[in-house]
Amino acid sequence: MRVLTARYSGFCPGVVQAERKIFRAREKLTGEQISVLGYLIHNQTYIDHLAEKSIRTIQTPGEAPPGSVLVLRTHGLDRKVEEELQGRYEMLDLTCPKVKKVQLIIRDYSRRGFFVLITGKRNHPEVQGLLSYAEKAEVLETRGDVERFASALMGSPIGKILILSQTTGEAELFEFAGLRVKEAAEGLGIPVEIHDSICSITSLREREAAKLQKEVDVTFVIGDRMSSNATKLFNILAAGAKDTYFVSSREELEGLGLDFSSWKTAQVVSSSSTPSFVEREVVSFLEAL
């Protein structure tokens, strides 16, 4: 089978940088314990890969021995929790630079009295971290949330609003929130500022994969189902063609029991949190058919 890989497939620059730094630390700090607070990225295969390199993943700070190296994952961390940990551990901050930039924007606008609106998933670790930088904020997960917020503006004490998105959030929801809230706010004399914080790499990957999908018979999206950007990528591509499959590994692909005989060309595209070795295994399997 002929296999085409979408442009921008795989680790985004923030994850590439995090991987480089954590393995450099592992080489330098031989004998010292390195613990990542939460999943470095949302991919279980990669978490297992880190464990093989003696890099533990923990869910609470108390699981790391005092004085050990504590790694902040790419999604960032609640600001107050981070401050509490500073004196207890040697910290390695691997927060994605784009996420860090959004955190600081929220902090600065909040200090200037802005109410912060974030489009995205309320329980996603990145969003939880972003909220900790705001004095007053709300998360909008759906168009219904946007409508409810816009309708409730009349008579609210909100003086000015900043709208931005989770970096891996849905562009459609963010754009709708910007238009609807600004329309409602301007009618009440409330100024609104909009900051497009969606990661350009995820948007470019989605666009390139959608274009390539027109040239192939079947598309395989590789990622972990706990990954927000992997799920979004699959949903976009599945809406464009019925022969679109979400797999986490070569083993899962084989386990689907698909009839490959009617397909001559396939697209493979990986999320920002899918390791290259997983993608290579899937590509090799398909090329051998």
C-alpha atoms as a PDB file:
ATOM      1  CA  MET A   1       0.000   0.000   0.000  1.00  0.00           C
ATOM      2  CA  ARG A   2       1.166   3.522  -0.771  1.00  0.00           C
ATOM      3  CA  VAL A   3       1.243   5.615   2.405  1.00  0.00           C
ATOM      4  CA  LEU A   4       1.236   9.406   2.560  1.00  0.00           C
ATOM      5  CA  THR A   5       2.004  11.301   5.775  1.00  0.00           C
ATOM      6  CA  ALA A   6       0.344  14.649   6.324  1.00  0.00           C
ATOM      7  CA  ARG A   7       2.554  17.682   6.699  1.00  0.00           C
ATOM      8  CA  TYR A   8       3.027  18.789  10.341  1.00  0.00           C
ATOM      9  CA  SER A   9       2.184  15.267  11.553  1.00  0.00           C
ATOM     10  CA  GLY A  10       3.526  14.300  14.977  1.00  0.00           C
ATOM     11  CA  PHE A  11       5.089  16.165  17.871  1.00  0.00           C
ATOM     12  CA  CYS A  12       4.588  19.924  17.849  1.00  0.00           C
ATOM     13  CA  PRO A  13       7.605  22.188  18.581  1.00  0.00           C
ATOM     14  CA  GLY A  14       6.615  22.506  22.253  1.00  0.00           C
ATOM     15  CA  VAL A  15       6.689  18.739  22.763  1.00  0.00           C
ATOM     16  CA  VAL A  16       9.923  18.372  20.774  1.00  0.00           C
ATOM     17  CA  GLN A  17      11.523  20.944  23.082  1.00  0.00           C
ATOM     18  CA  ALA A  18      10.147  19.235  26.203  1.00  0.00           C
ATOM     19  CA  GLU A  19      11.457  15.845  25.090  1.00  0.00           C
ATOM     20  CA  ARG A  20      14.901  17.267  24.398  1.00  0.00           C
ATOM     21  CA  LYS A  21      15.078  18.924  27.813  1.00  0.00           C
ATOM     22  CA  ILE A  22      13.828  15.978  29.843  1.00  0.00           C
ATOM     23  CA  PHE A  23      16.218  13.486  28.243  1.00  0.00           C
ATOM     24  CA  ARG A  24      19.097  15.947  28.613  1.00  0.00           C
ATOM     25  CA  ALA A  25      18.228  16.164  32.313  1.00  0.00           C
ATOM     26  CA  ARG A  26      18.085  12.355  32.543  1.00  0.00           C
ATOM     27  CA  GLU A  27      21.600  12.081  31.094  1.00  0.00           C
ATOM     28  CA  LYS A  28      22.963  14.791  33.369  1.00  0.00           C
ATOM     29  CA  LEU A  29      21.237  13.749  36.591  1.00  0.00           C
ATOM     30  CA  THR A  30      22.277  10.113  36.709  1.00  0.00           C
ATOM     31  CA  GLY A  31      21.171   8.569  39.962  1.00  0.00           C
ATOM     32  CA  GLU A  32      18.682  11.306  40.795  1.00  0.00           C
ATOM     33  CA  GLN A  33      14.964  10.680  40.688  1.00  0.00           C
ATOM     34  CA  ILE A  34      12.999  12.582  38.026  1.00  0.00           C
ATOM     35  CA  SER A  35       9.243  12.745  38.403  1.00  0.00           C
ATOM     36  CA  VAL A  36       6.735  14.333  36.014  1.00  0.00           C
ATOM     37  CA  LEU A  37       3.711  15.838  37.773  1.00  0.00           C
ATOM     38  CA  GLY A  38       0.868  14.594  35.591  1.00  0.00           C
ATOM     39  CA  TYR A  39       1.220  13.239  32.062  1.00  0.00           C
ATOM     40  CA  LEU A  40       3.998  15.066  30.211  1.00  0.00           C
ATOM     41  CA  ILE A  41       1.815  14.659  27.124  1.00  0.00           C
ATOM     42  CA  HIS A  42      -1.488  12.858  26.678  1.00  0.00           C
ATOM     43  CA  ASN A  43      -0.194   9.585  25.306  1.00  0.00           C
ATOM     44  CA  GLN A  44       0.027   6.445  27.435  1.00  0.00           C
ATOM     45  CA  THR A  45       2.551   4.770  25.116  1.00  0.00           C
ATOM     46  CA  TYR A  46       4.894   7.710  25.605  1.00  0.00           C
ATOM     47  CA  ILE A  47       4.376   7.702  29.384  1.00  0.00           C
ATOM     48  CA  ASP A  48       5.429   4.040  29.373  1.00  0.00           C
ATOM     49  CA  HIS A  49       8.425   5.009  27.222  1.00  0.00           C
ATOM     50  CA  LEU A  50       9.484   7.582  29.829  1.00  0.00           C
ATOM     51  CA  ALA A  51       9.152   4.983  32.580  1.00  0.00           C
ATOM     52  CA  GLU A  52      11.552   2.738  30.679  1.00  0.00           C
ATOM     53  CA  LYS A  53      14.027   5.642  30.821  1.00  0.00           C
ATOM     54  CA  SER A  54      13.566   5.911  34.620  1.00  0.00           C
ATOM     55  CA  ILE A  55      11.375   8.995  34.397  1.00  0.00           C
ATOM     56  CA  ARG A  56       8.353   8.477  36.636  1.00  0.00           C
ATOM     57  CA  THR A  57       4.910   9.954  36.143  1.00  0.00           C
ATOM     58  CA  ILE A  58       3.137  10.931  39.351  1.00  0.00           C
ATOM     59  CA  GLN A  59      -0.269  12.452  40.021  1.00  0.00           C
ATOM     60  CA  THR A  60       0.420  14.302  43.294  1.00  0.00           C
ATOM     61  CA  PRO A  61       3.555  16.163  44.475  1.00  0.00           C
ATOM     62  CA  GLY A  62       3.701  14.002  47.607  1.00  0.00           C
ATOM     63  CA  GLU A  63       4.726  11.022  45.479  1.00  0.00           C
ATOM     64  CA  ALA A  64       8.078  12.701  44.721  1.00  0.00           C
ATOM     65  CA  PRO A  65      10.783  12.512  47.417  1.00  0.00           C
ATOM     66  CA  PRO A  66      11.780  15.961  48.795  1.00  0.00           C
ATOM     67  CA  GLY A  67      14.806  17.328  46.974  1.00  0.00           C
ATOM     68  CA  SER A  68      14.191  15.289  43.834  1.00  0.00           C
ATOM     69  CA  VAL A  69      13.653  16.766  40.381  1.00  0.00           C
ATOM     70  CA  LEU A  70      10.019  17.619  39.707  1.00  0.00           C
ATOM     71  CA  VAL A  71       8.976  18.197  36.089  1.00  0.00           C
ATOM     72  CA  LEU A  72       6.096  20.459  35.107  1.00  0.00           C
ATOM     73  CA  ARG A  73       4.301  18.987  32.101  1.00  0.00           C
ATOM     74  CA  THR A  74       3.679  20.683  28.780  1.00  0.00           C
ATOM     75  CA  HIS A  75       0.113  21.677  29.731  1.00  0.00           C
ATOM     76  CA  GLY A  76       1.337  23.851  32.578  1.00  0.00           C
ATOM     77  CA  LEU A  77       0.249  23.841  36.222  1.00  0.00           C
ATOM     78  CA  ASP A  78      -1.941  25.806  38.583  1.00  0.00           C
ATOM     79  CA  ARG A  79       0.055  28.934  39.477  1.00  0.00           C
ATOM     80  CA  LYS A  80      -0.485  28.621  43.237  1.00  0.00           C
ATOM     81  CA  VAL A  81       0.510  24.943  43.259  1.00  0.00           C
ATOM     82  CA  GLU A  82       3.656  25.779  41.299  1.00  0.00           C
ATOM     83  CA  GLU A  83       4.603  28.507  43.783  1.00  0.00           C
ATOM     84  CA  GLU A  84       4.113  26.120  46.710  1.00  0.00           C
ATOM     85  CA  LEU A  85       6.437  23.554  45.137  1.00  0.00           C
ATOM     86  CA  GLN A  86       9.254  25.951  44.255  1.00  0.00           C
ATOM     87  CA  GLY A  87      11.142  25.635  47.527  1.00  0.00           C
ATOM     88  CA  ARG A  88      10.624  21.913  48.004  1.00  0.00           C
ATOM     89  CA  TYR A  89      11.946  20.550  44.725  1.00  0.00           C
ATOM     90  CA  GLU A  90      14.375  21.247  41.955  1.00  0.00           C
ATOM     91  CA  MET A  91      11.948  22.264  39.223  1.00  0.00           C
ATOM     92  CA  LEU A  92      12.178  21.565  35.491  1.00  0.00           C
ATOM     93  CA  ASP A  93       9.469  23.613  33.783  1.00  0.00           C
ATOM     94  CA  LEU A  94       8.476  22.033  30.473  1.00  0.00           C
ATOM     95  CA  THR A  95       5.318  24.084  29.989  1.00  0.00           C
ATOM     96  CA  CYS A  96       4.786  24.630  26.265  1.00  0.00           C
ATOM     97  CA  PRO A  97       6.001  28.157  25.371  1.00  0.00           C
ATOM     98  CA  LYS A  98       2.651  28.881  23.711  1.00  0.00           C
ATOM     99  CA  VAL A  99       0.774  27.861  26.851  1.00  0.00           C
ATOM    100  CA  LYS A 100       3.116  29.932  29.004  1.00  0.00           C
ATOM    101  CA  LYS A 101       2.491  32.935  26.771  1.00  0.00           C
ATOM    102  CA  VAL A 102      -1.277  32.558  27.208  1.00  0.00           C
ATOM    103  CA  GLN A 103      -0.849  32.254  30.984  1.00  0.00           C
ATOM    104  CA  LEU A 104       1.007  35.583  31.083  1.00  0.00           C
ATOM    105  CA  ILE A 105      -1.512  37.293  28.814  1.00  0.00           C
ATOM    106  CA  ILE A 106      -4.317  36.231  31.164  1.00  0.00           C
ATOM    107  CA  ARG A 107      -2.360  37.435  34.186  1.00  0.00           C
ATOM    108  CA  ASP A 108      -1.676  40.842  32.614  1.00  0.00           C
ATOM    109  CA  TYR A 109      -5.240  41.409  31.421  1.00  0.00           C
ATOM    110  CA  SER A 110      -6.655  40.283  34.772  1.00  0.00           C
ATOM    111  CA  ARG A 111      -4.516  42.853  36.563  1.00  0.00           C
ATOM    112  CA  ARG A 112      -6.067  45.469  34.289  1.00  0.00           C
ATOM    113  CA  GLY A 113      -9.559  44.460  35.365  1.00  0.00           C
ATOM    114  CA  PHE A 114     -10.599  42.243  32.447  1.00  0.00           C
ATOM    115  CA  PHE A 115     -13.014  39.349  32.868  1.00  0.00           C
ATOM    116  CA  VAL A 116     -11.429  36.388  31.057  1.00  0.00           C
ATOM    117  CA  LEU A 117     -13.380  34.020  28.818  1.00  0.00           C
ATOM    118  CA  ILE A 118     -11.635  30.804  27.771  1.00  0.00           C
ATOM    119  CA  THR A 119     -13.105  28.541  25.093  1.00  0.00           C
ATOM    120  CA  GLY A 120     -12.083  24.941  25.664  1.00  0.00           C
ATOM    121  CA  LYS A 121     -12.541  21.973  27.981  1.00  0.00           C
ATOM    122  CA  ARG A 122     -13.091  23.012  31.585  1.00  0.00           C
ATOM    123  CA  ASN A 123     -11.402  19.944  33.085  1.00  0.00           C
ATOM    124  CA  HIS A 124      -8.425  19.886  30.717  1.00  0.00           C
ATOM    125  CA  PRO A 125      -5.160  20.419  32.652  1.00  0.00           C
ATOM    126  CA  GLU A 126      -4.110  23.295  30.405  1.00  0.00           C
ATOM    127  CA  VAL A 127      -7.372  25.127  31.049  1.00  0.00           C
ATOM    128  CA  GLN A 128      -7.128  24.485  34.780  1.00  0.00           C
ATOM    129  CA  GLY A 129      -3.689  26.079  34.730  1.00  0.00           C
ATOM    130  CA  LEU A 130      -4.898  29.044  32.661  1.00  0.00           C
ATOM    131  CA  LEU A 131      -7.738  29.721  35.087  1.00  0.00           C
ATOM    132  CA  SER A 132      -5.268  30.071  37.948  1.00  0.00           C
ATOM    133  CA  TYR A 133      -3.797  33.162  36.261  1.00  0.00           C
ATOM    134  CA  ALA A 134      -7.162  34.943  36.119  1.00  0.00           C
ATOM    135  CA  GLU A 135      -8.876  36.848  38.894  1.00  0.00           C
ATOM    136  CA  LYS A 136     -12.314  36.445  37.306  1.00  0.00           C
ATOM    137  CA  ALA A 137     -12.924  33.962  34.504  1.00  0.00           C
ATOM    138  CA  GLU A 138     -15.312  31.519  32.899  1.00  0.00           C
ATOM    139  CA  VAL A 139     -14.803  28.559  30.554  1.00  0.00           C
ATOM    140  CA  LEU A 140     -17.081  28.182  27.531  1.00  0.00           C
ATOM    141  CA  GLU A 141     -17.238  24.571  26.356  1.00  0.00           C
ATOM    142  CA  THR A 142     -20.161  24.789  23.933  1.00  0.00           C
ATOM    143  CA  ARG A 143     -22.104  27.236  21.776  1.00  0.00           C
ATOM    144  CA  GLY A 144     -24.833  26.973  24.424  1.00  0.00           C
ATOM    145  CA  ASP A 145     -22.368  28.232  27.056  1.00  0.00           C
ATOM    146  CA  VAL A 146     -21.563  31.169  24.791  1.00  0.00           C
ATOM    147  CA  GLU A 147     -25.245  32.033  24.318  1.00  0.00           C
ATOM    148  CA  ARG A 148     -25.922  31.830  28.053  1.00  0.00           C
ATOM    149  CA  PHE A 149     -22.990  34.096  28.867  1.00  0.00           C
ATOM    150  CA  ALA A 150     -23.968  36.645  26.207  1.00  0.00           C
ATOM    151  CA  SER A 151     -27.574  36.693  27.406  1.00  0.00           C
ATOM    152  CA  ALA A 152     -26.511  37.190  31.031  1.00  0.00           C
ATOM    153  CA  LEU A 153     -24.353  40.236  30.313  1.00  0.00           C
ATOM    154  CA  MET A 154     -27.266  42.626  30.775  1.00  0.00           C
ATOM    155  CA  GLY A 155     -27.048  43.919  34.341  1.00  0.00           C
ATOM    156  CA  SER A 156     -23.783  42.054  35.129  1.00  0.00           C
ATOM    157  CA  PRO A 157     -20.914  43.875  36.899  1.00  0.00           C
ATOM    158  CA  ILE A 158     -18.443  42.939  34.124  1.00  0.00           C
ATOM    159  CA  GLY A 159     -16.636  46.021  32.822  1.00  0.00           C
ATOM    160  CA  LYS A 160     -14.397  44.631  30.077  1.00  0.00           C
ATOM    161  CA  ILE A 161     -13.763  41.219  28.558  1.00  0.00           C
ATOM    162  CA  LEU A 162     -10.840  39.235  27.141  1.00  0.00           C
ATOM    163  CA  ILE A 163     -11.656  36.212  24.970  1.00  0.00           C
ATOM    164  CA  LEU A 164      -9.097  33.518  24.160  1.00  0.00           C
ATOM    165  CA  SER A 165      -8.903  29.769  23.651  1.00  0.00           C
ATOM    166  CA  GLN A 166      -7.262  26.659  24.969  1.00  0.00           C
ATOM    167  CA  THR A 167      -4.272  26.266  22.628  1.00  0.00           C
ATOM    168  CA  THR A 168      -5.670  23.010  21.215  1.00  0.00           C
ATOM    169  CA  GLY A 169      -9.255  24.266  21.244  1.00  0.00           C
ATOM    170  CA  GLU A 170     -11.794  24.327  18.428  1.00  0.00           C
ATOM    171  CA  ALA A 171     -11.463  27.307  16.102  1.00  0.00           C
ATOM    172  CA  GLU A 172     -15.200  27.273  15.310  1.00  0.00           C
ATOM    173  CA  LEU A 173     -16.184  27.644  18.980  1.00  0.00           C
ATOM    174  CA  PHE A 174     -13.586  30.364  19.566  1.00  0.00           C
ATOM    175  CA  GLU A 175     -14.724  32.346  16.524  1.00  0.00           C
ATOM    176  CA  PHE A 176     -18.389  32.010  17.501  1.00  0.00           C
ATOM    177  CA  ALA A 177     -17.635  33.184  21.037  1.00  0.00           C
ATOM    178  CA  GLY A 178     -15.764  36.200  19.711  1.00  0.00           C
ATOM    179  CA  LEU A 179     -18.602  37.251  17.431  1.00  0.00           C
ATOM    180  CA  ARG A 180     -21.509  36.543  19.793  1.00  0.00           C
ATOM    181  CA  VAL A 181     -20.023  37.966  22.984  1.00  0.00           C
ATOM    182  CA  LYS A 182     -18.646  41.035  21.224  1.00  0.00           C
ATOM    183  CA  GLU A 183     -22.036  41.698  19.660  1.00  0.00           C
ATOM    184  CA  ALA A 184     -23.787  41.470  23.022  1.00  0.00           C
ATOM    185  CA  ALA A 185     -21.104  43.418  24.909  1.00  0.00           C
ATOM    186  CA  GLU A 186     -20.834  46.296  22.464  1.00  0.00           C
ATOM    187  CA  GLY A 187     -24.569  46.871  22.751  1.00  0.00           C
ATOM    188  CA  LEU A 188     -24.007  47.431  26.467  1.00  0.00           C
ATOM    189  CA  GLY A 189     -20.872  49.541  26.063  1.00  0.00           C
ATOM    190  CA  ILE A 190     -18.571  46.776  27.363  1.00  0.00           C
ATOM    191  CA  PRO A 191     -15.213  46.692  25.540  1.00  0.00           C
ATOM    192  CA  VAL A 192     -14.034  43.284  24.293  1.00  0.00           C
ATOM    193  CA  GLU A 193     -10.548  42.194  23.272  1.00  0.00           C
ATOM    194  CA  ILE A 194      -9.948  38.934  21.423  1.00  0.00           C
ATOM    195  CA  HIS A 195      -6.656  37.048  21.427  1.00  0.00           C
ATOM    196  CA  ASP A 196      -6.294  34.097  19.045  1.00  0.00           C
ATOM    197  CA  SER A 197      -4.330  31.635  21.174  1.00  0.00           C
ATOM    198  CA  ILE A 198      -5.034  28.459  19.182  1.00  0.00           C
ATOM    199  CA  CYS A 199      -1.765  26.728  18.291  1.00  0.00           C
ATOM    200  CA  SER A 200      -1.027  27.317  14.619  1.00  0.00           C
ATOM    201  CA  ILE A 201       0.609  23.881  14.237  1.00  0.00           C
ATOM    202  CA  THR A 202      -2.583  22.032  15.185  1.00  0.00           C
ATOM    203  CA  SER A 203      -4.589  24.174  12.748  1.00  0.00           C
ATOM    204  CA  LEU A 204      -2.053  23.690   9.952  1.00  0.00           C
ATOM    205  CA  ARG A 205      -1.976  19.923  10.535  1.00  0.00           C
ATOM    206  CA  GLU A 206      -5.767  19.724  10.383  1.00  0.00           C
ATOM    207  CA  ARG A 207      -5.834  21.745   7.165  1.00  0.00           C
ATOM    208  CA  GLU A 208      -3.079  19.730   5.485  1.00  0.00           C
ATOM    209  CA  ALA A 209      -4.628  16.412   6.507  1.00  0.00           C
ATOM    210  CA  ALA A 210      -8.026  17.483   5.177  1.00  0.00           C
ATOM    211  CA  LYS A 211      -6.455  18.358   1.818  1.00  0.00           C
ATOM    212  CA  LEU A 212      -4.478  15.118   1.633  1.00  0.00           C
ATOM    213  CA  GLN A 213      -7.573  13.136   2.528  1.00  0.00           C
ATOM    214  CA  LYS A 214      -8.959  13.919  -0.939  1.00  0.00           C
ATOM    215  CA  GLU A 215      -6.029  12.054  -2.528  1.00  0.00           C
ATOM    216  CA  VAL A 216      -6.252   8.792  -0.557  1.00  0.00           C
ATOM    217  CA  ASP A 217      -8.674   5.906  -0.049  1.00  0.00           C
ATOM    218  CA  VAL A 218      -8.413   5.726   3.738  1.00  0.00           C
ATOM    219  CA  THR A 219      -7.079   7.850   6.604  1.00  0.00           C
ATOM    220  CA  PHE A 220      -5.580   6.672   9.893  1.00  0.00           C
ATOM    221  CA  VAL A 221      -5.354   9.190  12.733  1.00  0.00           C
ATOM    222  CA  ILE A 222      -2.793   8.098  15.314  1.00  0.00           C
ATOM    223  CA  GLY A 223      -3.114   9.282  18.886  1.00  0.00           C
ATOM    224  CA  ASP A 224      -4.344   8.571  22.380  1.00  0.00           C
ATOM    225  CA  ARG A 225      -8.044   9.053  23.085  1.00  0.00           C
ATOM    226  CA  MET A 226      -7.252  11.173  26.134  1.00  0.00           C
ATOM    227  CA  SER A 227      -5.558  13.687  23.821  1.00  0.00           C
ATOM    228  CA  SER A 228      -7.720  16.709  23.042  1.00  0.00           C
ATOM    229  CA  ASN A 229      -5.931  17.563  19.806  1.00  0.00           C
ATOM    230  CA  ALA A 230      -5.974  13.944  18.597  1.00  0.00           C
ATOM    231  CA  THR A 231      -9.713  13.667  19.175  1.00  0.00           C
ATOM    232  CA  LYS A 232     -10.347  16.982  17.433  1.00  0.00           C
ATOM    233  CA  LEU A 233      -8.192  15.945  14.466  1.00  0.00           C
ATOM    234  CA  PHE A 234     -10.098  12.676  14.109  1.00  0.00           C
ATOM    235  CA  ASN A 235     -13.505  14.370  14.343  1.00  0.00           C
ATOM    236  CA  ILE A 236     -12.574  16.842  11.606  1.00  0.00           C
ATOM    237  CA  LEU A 237     -11.310  14.143   9.248  1.00  0.00           C
ATOM    238  CA  ALA A 238     -14.091  11.647  10.036  1.00  0.00           C
ATOM    239  CA  ALA A 239     -16.614  14.294   9.021  1.00  0.00           C
ATOM    240  CA  GLY A 240     -14.905  14.503   5.620  1.00  0.00           C
ATOM    241  CA  ALA A 241     -14.695  10.794   4.748  1.00  0.00           C
ATOM    242  CA  LYS A 242     -16.236   7.613   6.130  1.00  0.00           C
ATOM    243  CA  ASP A 243     -13.039   5.580   5.755  1.00  0.00           C
ATOM    244  CA  THR A 244     -11.280   7.327   8.648  1.00  0.00           C
ATOM    245  CA  TYR A 245      -9.978   5.402  11.665  1.00  0.00           C
ATOM    246  CA  PHE A 246      -8.562   6.424  15.052  1.00  0.00           C
ATOM    247  CA  VAL A 247      -5.819   4.104  16.350  1.00  0.00           C
ATOM    248  CA  SER A 248      -3.278   4.401  19.134  1.00  0.00           C
ATOM    249  CA  SER A 249      -0.772   1.861  17.802  1.00  0.00           C
ATOM    250  CA  ARG A 250       0.059  -0.699  15.128  1.00  0.00           C
ATOM    251  CA  GLU A 251      -1.343  -3.416  17.393  1.00  0.00           C
ATOM    252  CA  GLU A 252      -4.687  -1.627  17.645  1.00  0.00           C
ATOM    253  CA  LEU A 253      -4.765  -1.143  13.873  1.00  0.00           C
ATOM    254  CA  GLU A 254      -4.173  -4.852  13.308  1.00  0.00           C
ATOM    255  CA  GLY A 255      -6.848  -5.666  15.860  1.00  0.00           C
ATOM    256  CA  LEU A 256      -9.512  -3.792  13.895  1.00  0.00           C
ATOM    257  CA  GLY A 257      -9.621  -6.651  11.390  1.00  0.00           C
ATOM    258  CA  LEU A 258     -10.040  -4.328   8.420  1.00  0.00           C
ATOM    259  CA  ASP A 259     -10.184  -5.499   4.817  1.00  0.00           C
ATOM    260  CA  PHE A 260      -7.330  -3.553   3.214  1.00  0.00           C
ATOM    261  CA  SER A 261      -7.750  -5.096  -0.232  1.00  0.00           C
ATOM    262  CA  SER A 262      -9.955  -2.297  -1.592  1.00  0.00           C
ATOM    263  CA  TRP A 263      -7.533   0.495  -0.594  1.00  0.00           C
ATOM    264  CA  LYS A 264      -4.475   1.416  -2.615  1.00  0.00           C
ATOM    265  CA  THR A 265      -3.418   4.624  -0.858  1.00  0.00           C
ATOM    266  CA  ALA A 266      -3.605   5.623   2.794  1.00  0.00           C
ATOM    267  CA  GLN A 267      -2.973   8.760   4.777  1.00  0.00           C
ATOM    268  CA  VAL A 268      -1.339   8.606   8.193  1.00  0.00           C
ATOM    269  CA  VAL A 269      -1.461  11.663  10.430  1.00  0.00           C
ATOM    270  CA  SER A 270      -0.453  11.882  14.090  1.00  0.00           C
ATOM    271  CA  SER A 271      -1.490  14.272  16.825  1.00  0.00           C
ATOM    272  CA  SER A 272       0.887  16.664  18.582  1.00  0.00           C
ATOM    273  CA  SER A 273       1.283  14.123  21.378  1.00  0.00           C
ATOM    274  CA  THR A 274       1.990  11.030  19.282  1.00  0.00           C
ATOM    275  CA  PRO A 275       5.607   9.798  19.378  1.00  0.00           C
ATOM    276  CA  SER A 276       7.346   9.308  16.037  1.00  0.00           C
ATOM    277  CA  PHE A 277       8.173   5.662  16.766  1.00  0.00           C
ATOM    278  CA  VAL A 278       4.453   4.846  16.970  1.00  0.00           C
ATOM    279  CA  GLU A 279       3.806   6.558  13.637  1.00  0.00           C
ATOM    280  CA  ARG A 280       6.733   4.714  12.013  1.00  0.00           C
ATOM    281  CA  GLU A 281       5.347   1.349  13.158  1.00  0.00           C
ATOM    282  CA  VAL A 282       1.939   2.104  11.651  1.00  0.00           C
ATOM    283  CA  VAL A 283       3.438   3.348   8.381  1.00  0.00           C
ATOM    284  CA  SER A 284       5.670   0.263   8.093  1.00  0.00           C
ATOM    285  CA  PHE A 285       2.719  -2.043   8.692  1.00  0.00           C
ATOM    286  CA  LEU A 286       0.630  -0.347   5.992  1.00  0.00           C
ATOM    287  CA  GLU A 287       3.468  -0.188   3.467  1.00  0.00           C
ATOM    288  CA  ALA A 288       4.011  -3.938   3.835  1.00  0.00           C
ATOM    289  CA  LEU A 289       0.438  -4.737   2.809  1.00  0.00           C
END
